[in-house]
Amino acid sequence: MSSIMDKQIISRLKSTFDEISHMTDDGVEHWLARELQAVLGYAQWRRFSEAVERAKIACETSGFNVSDHFADVGKMVGIGSGAERDVGDIMLTIRAVKPLPLGMGI
């Protein structure tokens, strides 16, 4: 029974990952860290950003250029009464995303 549930969880996560993926003008698929944070079950940005830092180390250890897979970006978010503020985010390629669930035990 566990195997069926594992397959269902994986299928649901893949579907969610596909839904929140983005494409650059150059055709590079990527995800935004703040969107992934919720999908991967992190309640606090601080905890998730620690996981992203570990993923950067894994990327570098594997011989890849971290700046090719992790890019600091900002986006405007509503804060009430029509006002917006710039919130830091990180654009992640698939190479950057893959190690993130491993830190959670998924």
PDB file of N, CA and C in Angstrom:
ATOM      1  N   MET A   1       0.818  -1.193   0.000  1.00  0.00           N
ATOM      2  CA  MET A   1       0.000   0.000   0.000  1.00  0.00           C
ATOM      3  C   MET A   1       0.862   1.257   0.000  1.00  0.00           C
ATOM      4  N   SER A   2       1.992   1.219   0.692  1.00  0.00           N
ATOM      5  CA  SER A   2       2.876   2.375   0.762  1.00  0.00           C
ATOM      6  C   SER A   2       3.385   2.768  -0.616  1.00  0.00           C
ATOM      7  N   SER A   3       3.672   1.788  -1.464  1.00  0.00           N
ATOM      8  CA  SER A   3       4.185   2.059  -2.797  1.00  0.00           C
ATOM      9  C   SER A   3       3.170   2.845  -3.625  1.00  0.00           C
ATOM     10  N   ILE A   4       1.905   2.496  -3.508  1.00  0.00           N
ATOM     11  CA  ILE A   4       0.850   3.208  -4.232  1.00  0.00           C
ATOM     12  C   ILE A   4       0.754   4.637  -3.729  1.00  0.00           C
ATOM     13  N   MET A   5       0.823   4.819  -2.413  1.00  0.00           N
ATOM     14  CA  MET A   5       0.749   6.165  -1.850  1.00  0.00           C
ATOM     15  C   MET A   5       1.968   6.988  -2.265  1.00  0.00           C
ATOM     16  N   ASP A   6       3.155   6.372  -2.285  1.00  0.00           N
ATOM     17  CA  ASP A   6       4.365   7.067  -2.724  1.00  0.00           C
ATOM     18  C   ASP A   6       4.214   7.540  -4.161  1.00  0.00           C
ATOM     19  N   LYS A   7       3.680   6.686  -5.029  1.00  0.00           N
ATOM     20  CA  LYS A   7       3.485   7.051  -6.426  1.00  0.00           C
ATOM     21  C   LYS A   7       2.477   8.195  -6.549  1.00  0.00           C
ATOM     22  N   GLN A   8       1.445   8.181  -5.718  1.00  0.00           N
ATOM     23  CA  GLN A   8       0.445   9.252  -5.754  1.00  0.00           C
ATOM     24  C   GLN A   8       1.057  10.577  -5.299  1.00  0.00           C
ATOM     25  N   ILE A   9       1.863  10.525  -4.256  1.00  0.00           N
ATOM     26  CA  ILE A   9       2.524  11.737  -3.758  1.00  0.00           C
ATOM     27  C   ILE A   9       3.464  12.295  -4.817  1.00  0.00           C
ATOM     28  N   ILE A  10       4.255  11.424  -5.429  1.00  0.00           N
ATOM     29  CA  ILE A  10       5.190  11.846  -6.467  1.00  0.00           C
ATOM     30  C   ILE A  10       4.431  12.448  -7.644  1.00  0.00           C
ATOM     31  N   SER A  11       3.358  11.809  -8.047  1.00  0.00           N
ATOM     32  CA  SER A  11       2.560  12.310  -9.166  1.00  0.00           C
ATOM     33  C   SER A  11       1.979  13.687  -8.844  1.00  0.00           C
ATOM     34  N   ARG A  12       1.480  13.856  -7.637  1.00  0.00           N
ATOM     35  CA  ARG A  12       0.900  15.145  -7.225  1.00  0.00           C
ATOM     36  C   ARG A  12       1.983  16.227  -7.176  1.00  0.00           C
ATOM     37  N   LEU A  13       3.155  15.898  -6.633  1.00  0.00           N
ATOM     38  CA  LEU A  13       4.246  16.869  -6.587  1.00  0.00           C
ATOM     39  C   LEU A  13       4.715  17.255  -7.983  1.00  0.00           C
ATOM     40  N   LYS A  14       4.839  16.276  -8.877  1.00  0.00           N
ATOM     41  CA  LYS A  14       5.262  16.576 -10.247  1.00  0.00           C
ATOM     42  C   LYS A  14       4.265  17.498 -10.918  1.00  0.00           C
ATOM     43  N   SER A  15       2.994  17.222 -10.745  1.00  0.00           N
ATOM     44  CA  SER A  15       1.960  18.065 -11.332  1.00  0.00           C
ATOM     45  C   SER A  15       2.057  19.497 -10.800  1.00  0.00           C
ATOM     46  N   THR A  16       2.263  19.631  -9.499  1.00  0.00           N
ATOM     47  CA  THR A  16       2.386  20.951  -8.888  1.00  0.00           C
ATOM     48  C   THR A  16       3.634  21.668  -9.391  1.00  0.00           C
ATOM     49  N   PHE A  17       4.748  20.945  -9.484  1.00  0.00           N
ATOM     50  CA  PHE A  17       5.987  21.534 -10.004  1.00  0.00           C
ATOM     51  C   PHE A  17       5.779  22.036 -11.425  1.00  0.00           C
ATOM     52  N   ASP A  18       5.080  21.234 -12.238  1.00  0.00           N
ATOM     53  CA  ASP A  18       4.816  21.640 -13.619  1.00  0.00           C
ATOM     54  C   ASP A  18       3.962  22.908 -13.663  1.00  0.00           C
ATOM     55  N   GLU A  19       2.990  22.997 -12.765  1.00  0.00           N
ATOM     56  CA  GLU A  19       2.090  24.150 -12.738  1.00  0.00           C
ATOM     57  C   GLU A  19       2.801  25.448 -12.360  1.00  0.00           C
ATOM     58  N   ILE A  20       3.802  25.370 -11.504  1.00  0.00           N
ATOM     59  CA  ILE A  20       4.454  26.602 -11.040  1.00  0.00           C
ATOM     60  C   ILE A  20       5.772  26.895 -11.763  1.00  0.00           C
ATOM     61  N   SER A  21       6.085  26.097 -12.774  1.00  0.00           N
ATOM     62  CA  SER A  21       7.317  26.366 -13.519  1.00  0.00           C
ATOM     63  C   SER A  21       7.122  27.586 -14.413  1.00  0.00           C
ATOM     64  N   HIS A  22       8.229  28.243 -14.727  1.00  0.00           N
ATOM     65  CA  HIS A  22       8.244  29.427 -15.578  1.00  0.00           C
ATOM     66  C   HIS A  22       9.275  29.194 -16.672  1.00  0.00           C
ATOM     67  N   MET A  23       9.237  30.030 -17.688  1.00  0.00           N
ATOM     68  CA  MET A  23      10.191  29.933 -18.789  1.00  0.00           C
ATOM     69  C   MET A  23      10.769  31.321 -19.046  1.00  0.00           C
ATOM     70  N   THR A  24      12.101  31.399 -19.140  1.00  0.00           N
ATOM     71  CA  THR A  24      12.727  32.673 -19.480  1.00  0.00           C
ATOM     72  C   THR A  24      12.527  32.944 -20.970  1.00  0.00           C
ATOM     73  N   ASP A  25      12.829  34.149 -21.385  1.00  0.00           N
ATOM     74  CA  ASP A  25      12.751  34.491 -22.805  1.00  0.00           C
ATOM     75  C   ASP A  25      13.698  33.636 -23.639  1.00  0.00           C
ATOM     76  N   ASP A  26      14.759  33.139 -23.001  1.00  0.00           N
ATOM     77  CA  ASP A  26      15.741  32.286 -23.681  1.00  0.00           C
ATOM     78  C   ASP A  26      15.340  30.813 -23.676  1.00  0.00           C
ATOM     79  N   GLY A  27      14.185  30.495 -23.089  1.00  0.00           N
ATOM     80  CA  GLY A  27      13.709  29.119 -23.070  1.00  0.00           C
ATOM     81  C   GLY A  27      14.220  28.271 -21.926  1.00  0.00           C
ATOM     82  N   VAL A  28      14.713  28.893 -20.858  1.00  0.00           N
ATOM     83  CA  VAL A  28      15.214  28.151 -19.701  1.00  0.00           C
ATOM     84  C   VAL A  28      14.079  27.980 -18.691  1.00  0.00           C
ATOM     85  N   GLU A  29      13.755  26.724 -18.392  1.00  0.00           N
ATOM     86  CA  GLU A  29      12.726  26.447 -17.394  1.00  0.00           C
ATOM     87  C   GLU A  29      13.281  26.767 -16.014  1.00  0.00           C
ATOM     88  N   HIS A  30      12.460  27.400 -15.183  1.00  0.00           N
ATOM     89  CA  HIS A  30      12.898  27.738 -13.829  1.00  0.00           C
ATOM     90  C   HIS A  30      11.699  27.837 -12.895  1.00  0.00           C
ATOM     91  N   TRP A  31      12.011  27.902 -11.615  1.00  0.00           N
ATOM     92  CA  TRP A  31      11.014  28.041 -10.568  1.00  0.00           C
ATOM     93  C   TRP A  31      11.432  29.191  -9.672  1.00  0.00           C
ATOM     94  N   LEU A  32      10.455  29.777  -8.988  1.00  0.00           N
ATOM     95  CA  LEU A  32      10.744  30.826  -8.018  1.00  0.00           C
ATOM     96  C   LEU A  32      10.719  30.212  -6.623  1.00  0.00           C
ATOM     97  N   ALA A  33      11.733  30.529  -5.847  1.00  0.00           N
ATOM     98  CA  ALA A  33      11.900  29.912  -4.532  1.00  0.00           C
ATOM     99  C   ALA A  33      10.698  30.140  -3.623  1.00  0.00           C
ATOM    100  N   ARG A  34      10.127  31.336  -3.652  1.00  0.00           N
ATOM    101  CA  ARG A  34       8.989  31.599  -2.762  1.00  0.00           C
ATOM    102  C   ARG A  34       7.769  30.758  -3.130  1.00  0.00           C
ATOM    103  N   GLU A  35       7.626  30.401  -4.386  1.00  0.00           N
ATOM    104  CA  GLU A  35       6.540  29.501  -4.775  1.00  0.00           C
ATOM    105  C   GLU A  35       6.859  28.067  -4.359  1.00  0.00           C
ATOM    106  N   LEU A  36       8.112  27.665  -4.505  1.00  0.00           N
ATOM    107  CA  LEU A  36       8.523  26.316  -4.098  1.00  0.00           C
ATOM    108  C   LEU A  36       8.440  26.124  -2.594  1.00  0.00           C
ATOM    109  N   GLN A  37       8.685  27.178  -1.855  1.00  0.00           N
ATOM    110  CA  GLN A  37       8.662  27.107  -0.392  1.00  0.00           C
ATOM    111  C   GLN A  37       7.362  26.471   0.089  1.00  0.00           C
ATOM    112  N   ALA A  38       6.256  26.950  -0.403  1.00  0.00           N
ATOM    113  CA  ALA A  38       4.953  26.420   0.027  1.00  0.00           C
ATOM    114  C   ALA A  38       4.750  24.985  -0.453  1.00  0.00           C
ATOM    115  N   VAL A  39       5.119  24.717  -1.699  1.00  0.00           N
ATOM    116  CA  VAL A  39       4.945  23.378  -2.263  1.00  0.00           C
ATOM    117  C   VAL A  39       5.718  22.340  -1.461  1.00  0.00           C
ATOM    118  N   LEU A  40       6.917  22.705  -1.020  1.00  0.00           N
ATOM    119  CA  LEU A  40       7.757  21.763  -0.283  1.00  0.00           C
ATOM    120  C   LEU A  40       7.492  21.764   1.215  1.00  0.00           C
ATOM    121  N   GLY A  41       6.517  22.546   1.651  1.00  0.00           N
ATOM    122  CA  GLY A  41       6.064  22.483   3.037  1.00  0.00           C
ATOM    123  C   GLY A  41       6.854  23.310   4.031  1.00  0.00           C
ATOM    124  N   TYR A  42       7.611  24.273   3.568  1.00  0.00           N
ATOM    125  CA  TYR A  42       8.351  25.147   4.480  1.00  0.00           C
ATOM    126  C   TYR A  42       7.453  26.307   4.901  1.00  0.00           C
ATOM    127  N   ALA A  43       7.229  26.454   6.184  1.00  0.00           N
ATOM    128  CA  ALA A  43       6.382  27.532   6.688  1.00  0.00           C
ATOM    129  C   ALA A  43       7.137  28.860   6.753  1.00  0.00           C
ATOM    130  N   GLN A  44       8.433  28.802   6.945  1.00  0.00           N
ATOM    131  CA  GLN A  44       9.222  30.028   7.124  1.00  0.00           C
ATOM    132  C   GLN A  44      10.230  30.181   5.988  1.00  0.00           C
ATOM    133  N   TRP A  45      10.324  31.404   5.462  1.00  0.00           N
ATOM    134  CA  TRP A  45      11.295  31.703   4.411  1.00  0.00           C
ATOM    135  C   TRP A  45      12.709  31.454   4.913  1.00  0.00           C
ATOM    136  N   ARG A  46      12.972  31.795   6.154  1.00  0.00           N
ATOM    137  CA  ARG A  46      14.318  31.620   6.706  1.00  0.00           C
ATOM    138  C   ARG A  46      14.763  30.164   6.608  1.00  0.00           C
ATOM    139  N   ARG A  47      13.887  29.242   6.953  1.00  0.00           N
ATOM    140  CA  ARG A  47      14.230  27.815   6.889  1.00  0.00           C
ATOM    141  C   ARG A  47      14.442  27.369   5.442  1.00  0.00           C
ATOM    142  N   PHE A  48      13.581  27.865   4.552  1.00  0.00           N
ATOM    143  CA  PHE A  48      13.720  27.470   3.158  1.00  0.00           C
ATOM    144  C   PHE A  48      14.982  28.061   2.546  1.00  0.00           C
ATOM    145  N   SER A  49      15.304  29.290   2.899  1.00  0.00           N
ATOM    146  CA  SER A  49      16.516  29.893   2.341  1.00  0.00           C
ATOM    147  C   SER A  49      17.761  29.133   2.809  1.00  0.00           C
ATOM    148  N   GLU A  50      17.705  28.527   3.995  1.00  0.00           N
ATOM    149  CA  GLU A  50      18.801  27.670   4.454  1.00  0.00           C
ATOM    150  C   GLU A  50      18.918  26.437   3.551  1.00  0.00           C
ATOM    151  N   ALA A  51      17.772  25.869   3.158  1.00  0.00           N
ATOM    152  CA  ALA A  51      17.776  24.716   2.250  1.00  0.00           C
ATOM    153  C   ALA A  51      18.341  25.122   0.890  1.00  0.00           C
ATOM    154  N   VAL A  52      18.006  26.329   0.440  1.00  0.00           N
ATOM    155  CA  VAL A  52      18.539  26.825  -0.834  1.00  0.00           C
ATOM    156  C   VAL A  52      20.058  26.975  -0.737  1.00  0.00           C
ATOM    157  N   GLU A  53      20.551  27.458   0.384  1.00  0.00           N
ATOM    158  CA  GLU A  53      22.004  27.587   0.554  1.00  0.00           C
ATOM    159  C   GLU A  53      22.682  26.224   0.500  1.00  0.00           C
ATOM    160  N   ARG A  54      22.053  25.201   1.094  1.00  0.00           N
ATOM    161  CA  ARG A  54      22.611  23.844   1.018  1.00  0.00           C
ATOM    162  C   ARG A  54      22.589  23.331  -0.426  1.00  0.00           C
ATOM    163  N   ALA A  55      21.534  23.680  -1.169  1.00  0.00           N
ATOM    164  CA  ALA A  55      21.444  23.278  -2.570  1.00  0.00           C
ATOM    165  C   ALA A  55      22.539  23.956  -3.396  1.00  0.00           C
ATOM    166  N   LYS A  56      22.879  25.197  -3.050  1.00  0.00           N
ATOM    167  CA  LYS A  56      23.968  25.894  -3.740  1.00  0.00           C
ATOM    168  C   LYS A  56      25.288  25.159  -3.525  1.00  0.00           C
ATOM    169  N   ILE A  57      25.508  24.703  -2.300  1.00  0.00           N
ATOM    170  CA  ILE A  57      26.726  23.952  -1.987  1.00  0.00           C
ATOM    171  C   ILE A  57      26.760  22.655  -2.783  1.00  0.00           C
ATOM    172  N   ALA A  58      25.623  21.958  -2.855  1.00  0.00           N
ATOM    173  CA  ALA A  58      25.555  20.710  -3.620  1.00  0.00           C
ATOM    174  C   ALA A  58      25.827  20.962  -5.094  1.00  0.00           C
ATOM    175  N   CYS A  59      25.320  22.054  -5.611  1.00  0.00           N
ATOM    176  CA  CYS A  59      25.538  22.419  -7.011  1.00  0.00           C
ATOM    177  C   CYS A  59      27.027  22.664  -7.268  1.00  0.00           C
ATOM    178  N   GLU A  60      27.641  23.448  -6.407  1.00  0.00           N
ATOM    179  CA  GLU A  60      29.058  23.764  -6.550  1.00  0.00           C
ATOM    180  C   GLU A  60      29.923  22.513  -6.400  1.00  0.00           C
ATOM    181  N   THR A  61      29.581  21.667  -5.428  1.00  0.00           N
ATOM    182  CA  THR A  61      30.326  20.434  -5.193  1.00  0.00           C
ATOM    183  C   THR A  61      30.260  19.511  -6.405  1.00  0.00           C
ATOM    184  N   SER A  62      29.145  19.579  -7.132  1.00  0.00           N
ATOM    185  CA  SER A  62      28.970  18.762  -8.334  1.00  0.00           C
ATOM    186  C   SER A  62      29.694  19.343  -9.544  1.00  0.00           C
ATOM    187  N   GLY A  63      30.342  20.497  -9.350  1.00  0.00           N
ATOM    188  CA  GLY A  63      31.132  21.081 -10.427  1.00  0.00           C
ATOM    189  C   GLY A  63      30.390  22.076 -11.305  1.00  0.00           C
ATOM    190  N   PHE A  64      29.212  22.502 -10.876  1.00  0.00           N
ATOM    191  CA  PHE A  64      28.431  23.453 -11.664  1.00  0.00           C
ATOM    192  C   PHE A  64      28.625  24.861 -11.133  1.00  0.00           C
ATOM    193  N   ASN A  65      28.463  25.836 -12.002  1.00  0.00           N
ATOM    194  CA  ASN A  65      28.556  27.237 -11.627  1.00  0.00           C
ATOM    195  C   ASN A  65      27.243  27.655 -10.957  1.00  0.00           C
ATOM    196  N   VAL A  66      27.314  27.994  -9.686  1.00  0.00           N
ATOM    197  CA  VAL A  66      26.124  28.337  -8.910  1.00  0.00           C
ATOM    198  C   VAL A  66      25.331  29.463  -9.566  1.00  0.00           C
ATOM    199  N   SER A  67      26.009  30.452 -10.097  1.00  0.00           N
ATOM    200  CA  SER A  67      25.304  31.599 -10.687  1.00  0.00           C
ATOM    201  C   SER A  67      24.532  31.224 -11.952  1.00  0.00           C
ATOM    202  N   ASP A  68      24.831  30.075 -12.549  1.00  0.00           N
ATOM    203  CA  ASP A  68      24.068  29.607 -13.709  1.00  0.00           C
ATOM    204  C   ASP A  68      22.722  29.001 -13.302  1.00  0.00           C
ATOM    205  N   HIS A  69      22.562  28.657 -12.036  1.00  0.00           N
ATOM    206  CA  HIS A  69      21.378  27.924 -11.590  1.00  0.00           C
ATOM    207  C   HIS A  69      20.595  28.615 -10.479  1.00  0.00           C
ATOM    208  N   PHE A  70      21.176  29.635  -9.874  1.00  0.00           N
ATOM    209  CA  PHE A  70      20.524  30.392  -8.801  1.00  0.00           C
ATOM    210  C   PHE A  70      20.681  31.878  -9.126  1.00  0.00           C
ATOM    211  N   ALA A  71      19.592  32.581  -9.337  1.00  0.00           N
ATOM    212  CA  ALA A  71      19.670  34.006  -9.649  1.00  0.00           C
ATOM    213  C   ALA A  71      18.755  34.785  -8.715  1.00  0.00           C
ATOM    214  N   ASP A  72      19.319  35.770  -8.028  1.00  0.00           N
ATOM    215  CA  ASP A  72      18.507  36.624  -7.155  1.00  0.00           C
ATOM    216  C   ASP A  72      17.619  37.504  -8.025  1.00  0.00           C
ATOM    217  N   VAL A  73      16.342  37.504  -7.715  1.00  0.00           N
ATOM    218  CA  VAL A  73      15.369  38.333  -8.421  1.00  0.00           C
ATOM    219  C   VAL A  73      14.453  38.974  -7.391  1.00  0.00           C
ATOM    220  N   GLY A  74      13.705  39.942  -7.812  1.00  0.00           N
ATOM    221  CA  GLY A  74      12.724  40.570  -6.931  1.00  0.00           C
ATOM    222  C   GLY A  74      11.371  40.541  -7.592  1.00  0.00           C
ATOM    223  N   LYS A  75      10.344  40.595  -6.787  1.00  0.00           N
ATOM    224  CA  LYS A  75       9.009  40.696  -7.354  1.00  0.00           C
ATOM    225  C   LYS A  75       8.169  41.567  -6.432  1.00  0.00           C
ATOM    226  N   MET A  76       7.198  42.204  -7.024  1.00  0.00           N
ATOM    227  CA  MET A  76       6.324  43.089  -6.263  1.00  0.00           C
ATOM    228  C   MET A  76       5.163  42.276  -5.698  1.00  0.00           C
ATOM    229  N   VAL A  77       4.899  42.475  -4.404  1.00  0.00           N
ATOM    230  CA  VAL A  77       3.775  41.800  -3.755  1.00  0.00           C
ATOM    231  C   VAL A  77       2.897  42.837  -3.081  1.00  0.00           C
ATOM    232  N   GLY A  78       1.606  42.555  -3.074  1.00  0.00           N
ATOM    233  CA  GLY A  78       0.662  43.453  -2.429  1.00  0.00           C
ATOM    234  C   GLY A  78       0.782  43.375  -0.920  1.00  0.00           C
ATOM    235  N   ILE A  79       0.721  44.535  -0.264  1.00  0.00           N
ATOM    236  CA  ILE A  79       0.808  44.568   1.206  1.00  0.00           C
ATOM    237  C   ILE A  79      -0.429  45.218   1.821  1.00  0.00           C
ATOM    238  N   GLY A  80      -1.464  45.390   1.024  1.00  0.00           N
ATOM    239  CA  GLY A  80      -2.703  45.969   1.537  1.00  0.00           C
ATOM    240  C   GLY A  80      -2.932  47.361   1.006  1.00  0.00           C
ATOM    241  N   SER A  81      -4.159  47.735   0.971  1.00  0.00           N
ATOM    242  CA  SER A  81      -4.622  49.047   0.500  1.00  0.00           C
ATOM    243  C   SER A  81      -4.007  49.446  -0.841  1.00  0.00           C
ATOM    244  N   GLY A  82      -3.767  48.455  -1.696  1.00  0.00           N
ATOM    245  CA  GLY A  82      -3.251  48.720  -3.031  1.00  0.00           C
ATOM    246  C   GLY A  82      -1.756  48.964  -3.108  1.00  0.00           C
ATOM    247  N   ALA A  83      -1.077  49.019  -1.974  1.00  0.00           N
ATOM    248  CA  ALA A  83       0.366  49.253  -1.972  1.00  0.00           C
ATOM    249  C   ALA A  83       1.106  47.949  -2.287  1.00  0.00           C
ATOM    250  N   GLU A  84       2.308  48.090  -2.818  1.00  0.00           N
ATOM    251  CA  GLU A  84       3.157  46.946  -3.119  1.00  0.00           C
ATOM    252  C   GLU A  84       4.562  47.212  -2.609  1.00  0.00           C
ATOM    253  N   ARG A  85       5.291  46.106  -2.382  1.00  0.00           N
ATOM    254  CA  ARG A  85       6.702  46.249  -2.025  1.00  0.00           C
ATOM    255  C   ARG A  85       7.494  45.164  -2.726  1.00  0.00           C
ATOM    256  N   ASP A  86       8.759  45.445  -2.909  1.00  0.00           N
ATOM    257  CA  ASP A  86       9.661  44.514  -3.567  1.00  0.00           C
ATOM    258  C   ASP A  86      10.122  43.468  -2.554  1.00  0.00           C
ATOM    259  N   VAL A  87       9.947  42.204  -2.907  1.00  0.00           N
ATOM    260  CA  VAL A  87      10.357  41.100  -2.045  1.00  0.00           C
ATOM    261  C   VAL A  87      11.402  40.283  -2.793  1.00  0.00           C
ATOM    262  N   GLY A  88      12.499  39.994  -2.138  1.00  0.00           N
ATOM    263  CA  GLY A  88      13.539  39.190  -2.757  1.00  0.00           C
ATOM    264  C   GLY A  88      13.079  37.771  -3.016  1.00  0.00           C
ATOM    265  N   ASP A  89      13.532  37.211  -4.101  1.00  0.00           N
ATOM    266  CA  ASP A  89      13.201  35.843  -4.466  1.00  0.00           C
ATOM    267  C   ASP A  89      14.427  35.269  -5.166  1.00  0.00           C
ATOM    268  N   ILE A  90      14.380  34.001  -5.485  1.00  0.00           N
ATOM    269  CA  ILE A  90      15.494  33.355  -6.167  1.00  0.00           C
ATOM    270  C   ILE A  90      14.932  32.535  -7.321  1.00  0.00           C
ATOM    271  N   MET A  91      15.466  32.766  -8.505  1.00  0.00           N
ATOM    272  CA  MET A  91      15.092  31.981  -9.670  1.00  0.00           C
ATOM    273  C   MET A  91      15.996  30.748  -9.692  1.00  0.00           C
ATOM    274  N   LEU A  92      15.389  29.573  -9.777  1.00  0.00           N
ATOM    275  CA  LEU A  92      16.113  28.309  -9.682  1.00  0.00           C
ATOM    276  C   LEU A  92      15.903  27.458 -10.926  1.00  0.00           C
ATOM    277  N   THR A  93      16.971  26.951 -11.496  1.00  0.00           N
ATOM    278  CA  THR A  93      16.847  25.996 -12.597  1.00  0.00           C
ATOM    279  C   THR A  93      16.578  24.616 -12.001  1.00  0.00           C
ATOM    280  N   ILE A  94      16.338  23.652 -12.868  1.00  0.00           N
ATOM    281  CA  ILE A  94      16.084  22.287 -12.391  1.00  0.00           C
ATOM    282  C   ILE A  94      17.268  21.747 -11.590  1.00  0.00           C
ATOM    283  N   ARG A  95      18.490  22.110 -11.977  1.00  0.00           N
ATOM    284  CA  ARG A  95      19.678  21.668 -11.237  1.00  0.00           C
ATOM    285  C   ARG A  95      19.638  22.202  -9.806  1.00  0.00           C
ATOM    286  N   ALA A  96      19.095  23.386  -9.619  1.00  0.00           N
ATOM    287  CA  ALA A  96      18.993  23.988  -8.291  1.00  0.00           C
ATOM    288  C   ALA A  96      17.845  23.385  -7.494  1.00  0.00           C
ATOM    289  N   VAL A  97      16.787  23.006  -8.183  1.00  0.00           N
ATOM    290  CA  VAL A  97      15.582  22.512  -7.508  1.00  0.00           C
ATOM    291  C   VAL A  97      15.743  21.082  -7.015  1.00  0.00           C
ATOM    292  N   LYS A  98      16.424  20.250  -7.772  1.00  0.00           N
ATOM    293  CA  LYS A  98      16.504  18.818  -7.442  1.00  0.00           C
ATOM    294  C   LYS A  98      16.952  18.516  -6.012  1.00  0.00           C
ATOM    295  N   PRO A  99      17.968  19.176  -5.456  1.00  0.00           N
ATOM    296  CA  PRO A  99      18.393  18.813  -4.102  1.00  0.00           C
ATOM    297  C   PRO A  99      17.441  19.293  -2.992  1.00  0.00           C
ATOM    298  N   LEU A 100      16.537  20.210  -3.278  1.00  0.00           N
ATOM    299  CA  LEU A 100      15.702  20.782  -2.217  1.00  0.00           C
ATOM    300  C   LEU A 100      14.833  19.752  -1.496  1.00  0.00           C
ATOM    301  N   PRO A 101      14.105  18.878  -2.194  1.00  0.00           N
ATOM    302  CA  PRO A 101      13.302  17.886  -1.462  1.00  0.00           C
ATOM    303  C   PRO A 101      14.159  16.916  -0.665  1.00  0.00           C
ATOM    304  N   LEU A 102      15.380  16.677  -1.074  1.00  0.00           N
ATOM    305  CA  LEU A 102      16.248  15.728  -0.356  1.00  0.00           C
ATOM    306  C   LEU A 102      16.492  16.190   1.077  1.00  0.00           C
ATOM    307  N   GLY A 103      16.580  17.466   1.287  1.00  0.00           N
ATOM    308  CA  GLY A 103      16.781  17.997   2.623  1.00  0.00           C
ATOM    309  C   GLY A 103      15.573  17.825   3.520  1.00  0.00           C
ATOM    310  N   MET A 104      14.430  17.520   2.908  1.00  0.00           N
ATOM    311  CA  MET A 104      13.195  17.347   3.671  1.00  0.00           C
ATOM    312  C   MET A 104      12.896  15.878   3.951  1.00  0.00           C
ATOM    313  N   GLY A 105      13.620  14.991   3.318  1.00  0.00           N
ATOM    314  CA  GLY A 105      13.330  13.564   3.475  1.00  0.00           C
ATOM    315  C   GLY A 105      12.247  13.081   2.530  1.00  0.00           C
ATOM    316  N   ILE A 106      11.940  13.855   1.488  1.00  0.00           N
ATOM    317  CA  ILE A 106      10.934  13.425   0.521  1.00  0.00           C
ATOM    318  C   ILE A 106      11.571  12.435  -0.418  1.00  0.00           C
TER     319      ILE A 106
END
